[in-house]
Protein backbone atom coordinates (compact mmCIF):
# COMPACT_ATOMS: atom_id res chain seq x y z
CA MET A 1 -0.62 15.21 -6.30
CA ILE A 2 -0.94 18.34 -8.43
CA PHE A 3 -2.09 21.74 -7.24
CA ALA A 4 -3.25 24.69 -9.25
CA SER A 5 -2.75 28.27 -8.26
CA ALA A 6 -5.28 29.24 -5.60
CA LYS A 7 -5.48 32.69 -7.20
CA SER A 8 -6.92 31.24 -10.40
CA GLY A 9 -10.22 30.15 -8.85
CA ILE A 10 -13.26 31.87 -7.44
CA GLU A 11 -12.83 33.03 -3.86
CA GLY A 12 -13.95 30.30 -1.45
CA GLU A 13 -13.77 27.55 -4.09
CA LEU A 14 -11.14 24.86 -4.46
CA PRO A 15 -9.15 25.26 -7.72
CA PHE A 16 -9.92 21.74 -9.01
CA ASP A 17 -12.86 19.51 -9.89
CA HIS A 18 -14.09 17.67 -6.77
CA THR A 19 -15.47 14.66 -8.67
CA HIS A 20 -12.28 14.14 -10.68
CA TRP A 21 -10.18 14.37 -7.51
CA LEU A 22 -12.34 11.81 -5.67
CA ASN A 23 -12.31 9.39 -8.60
CA THR A 24 -8.52 9.67 -8.78
CA GLN A 25 -8.24 8.86 -5.08
CA LEU A 26 -10.20 5.62 -5.49
CA GLY A 27 -7.54 4.17 -7.80
CA MET A 28 -4.57 4.95 -5.57
CA ILE A 29 -2.89 2.54 -3.20
CA LEU A 30 -2.35 4.11 0.20
CA TYR A 31 0.69 3.42 2.32
CA GLY A 32 1.38 5.15 5.59
CA SER A 33 0.94 4.96 9.31
CA GLN A 34 -2.47 4.37 10.82
CA ASN A 35 -2.70 8.05 11.78
CA VAL A 36 -1.95 9.23 8.22
CA ILE A 37 -4.47 6.80 6.71
CA MET A 38 -7.09 8.02 9.20
CA LYS A 39 -6.43 11.65 8.15
CA ILE A 40 -6.70 10.70 4.46
CA ASN A 41 -10.00 8.94 5.12
CA LYS A 42 -11.31 11.97 7.00
CA LEU A 43 -10.29 14.25 4.12
CA ASN A 44 -12.05 11.99 1.61
CA GLU A 45 -15.20 11.85 3.75
CA GLU A 46 -15.31 15.65 4.03
CA ALA A 47 -14.82 16.04 0.27
CA ARG A 48 -17.47 13.44 -0.58
CA ALA A 49 -19.92 15.16 1.78
CA GLN A 50 -19.21 18.36 -0.21
CA LYS A 51 -18.32 20.31 2.91
CA SER A 52 -17.16 23.89 2.57
CA SER A 53 -13.77 24.62 1.02
CA THR A 54 -12.54 25.82 4.41
CA GLU A 55 -13.42 22.53 6.11
CA ILE A 56 -11.80 20.49 3.35
CA LEU A 57 -8.62 22.60 3.42
CA PHE A 58 -8.51 22.28 7.22
CA CYS A 59 -8.60 18.47 6.89
CA PHE A 60 -5.89 18.66 4.22
CA GLY A 61 -3.76 20.74 6.61
CA GLU A 62 -4.23 18.14 9.35
CA LEU A 63 -3.07 15.46 6.91
CA ILE A 64 0.05 17.40 5.95
CA LEU A 65 0.91 18.01 9.61
CA GLU A 66 0.51 14.31 10.42
CA MET A 67 2.75 13.37 7.50
CA ARG A 68 5.37 15.93 8.59
CA LYS A 69 5.48 14.35 12.06
CA GLU A 70 6.67 11.13 10.47
CA VAL A 71 9.41 12.64 8.32
């Protein structure tokens, strides 16, 4: 996963192309616990529904926290 500087984008916008990110996700094989996969699915659903950047970042944060629990 690659992240761009959050300072480089417009305030309130994610610093990457939503469509490109979603298409990339479709080709990836997911491996993780049931809880992690559920968080990934929730993140993808929020992104596909074109929710606000804040809602998408909140889901991403939940995913990271769930992954950290397993490390």
